[in-house]
Protein backbone atom coordinates (compact mmCIF):
# COMPACT_ATOMS: atom_id res chain seq x y z
CA ALA A 1 -92.88 -127.91 -95.64
CA ASP A 2 -91.54 -125.39 -93.21
CA VAL A 3 -94.81 -125.57 -91.17
CA VAL A 4 -95.01 -129.26 -91.19
CA GLN A 5 -91.26 -129.34 -89.46
CA ILE A 6 -92.21 -126.67 -87.15
CA PHE A 7 -95.23 -129.20 -85.72
CA HIS A 8 -93.52 -132.29 -86.21
CA GLY A 9 -89.90 -132.71 -85.44
CA GLY A 10 -88.89 -129.11 -85.42
CA LYS A 11 -86.79 -127.49 -82.97
CA SER A 12 -88.12 -126.50 -79.40
CA SER A 13 -88.56 -122.89 -78.37
CA GLY A 14 -85.71 -123.70 -76.02
CA PHE A 15 -83.37 -123.97 -78.86
CA TYR A 16 -84.13 -120.64 -80.07
CA LEU A 17 -84.31 -119.05 -76.68
CA SER A 18 -80.82 -120.18 -75.53
CA SER A 19 -79.28 -119.11 -78.81
CA PRO A 20 -77.29 -115.67 -78.91
CA LEU A 21 -77.83 -115.82 -82.76
CA PHE A 22 -81.49 -115.61 -82.52
CA TYR A 23 -81.52 -112.78 -80.57
CA GLY A 24 -78.90 -111.27 -82.94
CA LEU A 25 -81.42 -112.08 -85.69
CA LEU A 26 -84.03 -110.07 -84.04
CA VAL A 27 -82.08 -107.25 -83.29
CA GLY A 28 -81.11 -107.44 -87.09
CA PHE A 29 -84.89 -107.23 -87.84
CA ALA A 30 -85.07 -104.39 -85.67
CA LEU A 31 -82.48 -102.40 -87.18
CA ILE A 32 -83.55 -103.12 -90.67
CA ALA A 33 -86.80 -101.68 -89.74
CA LEU A 34 -85.40 -98.77 -88.21
CA LEU A 35 -82.73 -98.09 -90.77
CA SER A 36 -85.60 -98.05 -93.41
CA LEU A 37 -87.84 -95.32 -91.77
CA PRO A 38 -86.12 -92.19 -93.09
CA PRO A 39 -85.93 -93.45 -96.77
CA THR A 40 -89.68 -94.72 -96.64
CA LEU A 41 -90.94 -91.47 -95.20
CA THR A 42 -88.94 -89.55 -97.72
CA PHE A 43 -90.20 -91.57 -100.75
CA LEU A 44 -93.80 -91.36 -99.30
CA ARG A 45 -93.59 -87.19 -99.16
CA TRP A 46 -92.15 -87.66 -102.92
CA ARG A 47 -95.32 -89.69 -103.53
CA GLY A 48 -97.50 -87.37 -102.22
CA ALA A 49 -95.82 -84.08 -103.92
CA VAL A 50 -96.03 -86.14 -107.26
CA ARG A 51 -99.68 -86.89 -106.80
CA ASN A 52 -100.50 -83.11 -106.26
CA GLY A 53 -98.82 -82.36 -109.40
CA ARG A 54 -95.52 -80.71 -108.04
CA PRO A 55 -92.05 -82.23 -108.42
CA PRO A 56 -90.62 -83.91 -105.56
CA LEU A 57 -88.20 -81.95 -102.98
CA LEU A 58 -85.02 -83.25 -103.43
CA SER A 59 -83.11 -82.55 -100.10
CA GLY A 60 -79.50 -81.22 -100.02
CA ASN A 61 -76.35 -83.45 -100.78
CA ALA A 62 -75.91 -84.45 -96.94
CA ARG A 63 -79.35 -85.72 -96.72
CA ARG A 64 -79.00 -87.49 -99.78
CA ARG A 65 -75.75 -89.29 -98.74
CA LEU A 66 -77.37 -90.05 -95.16
CA LEU A 67 -80.35 -92.10 -96.95
CA THR A 68 -77.95 -93.61 -99.22
CA LEU A 69 -75.88 -94.82 -96.39
CA LEU A 70 -79.11 -96.04 -94.52
CA VAL A 71 -80.43 -98.10 -97.34
CA ALA A 72 -76.50 -99.57 -97.73
CA GLN A 73 -76.67 -100.69 -94.25
CA ALA A 74 -79.97 -102.16 -94.25
CA MET A 75 -78.99 -104.14 -97.42
CA LEU A 76 -75.86 -105.38 -95.58
CA LEU A 77 -77.80 -106.59 -92.57
CA LEU A 78 -80.21 -108.42 -95.13
CA PHE A 79 -77.31 -110.12 -96.51
CA VAL A 80 -75.69 -111.13 -93.07
CA MET A 81 -78.99 -112.34 -91.59
CA PRO A 82 -79.56 -115.38 -93.71
CA LEU A 83 -75.74 -116.45 -92.46
CA LEU A 84 -76.61 -115.89 -89.12
CA ALA A 85 -79.72 -118.13 -89.65
CA VAL A 86 -77.81 -120.75 -90.88
CA LEU A 87 -75.16 -120.67 -88.20
CA MET A 88 -78.05 -120.88 -85.76
CA ALA A 89 -79.23 -123.95 -87.38
CA ARG A 90 -76.18 -125.54 -87.27
CA GLY A 91 -75.67 -125.19 -83.73
CA TYR A 92 -73.25 -122.60 -83.35
């Protein structure tokens, strides 16, 4: 249904390019990608260690807190982004 709306009666590209909320969504996606890099790389290192029969190297308490904070911030952005999309669709 969404694809049909794009080609038949959807909003023009001008609508999106003139909306600050659209740019907010783009920045949000980029931030989520950047915030999820360190935890993802950590999990990949752990997976490699487990495949080789070694226990995963658990980092210090500060690193663990940093990874937890990064994941929490990414989850917060995932919660906020649909709200931005709704506001943009309503014309704010």
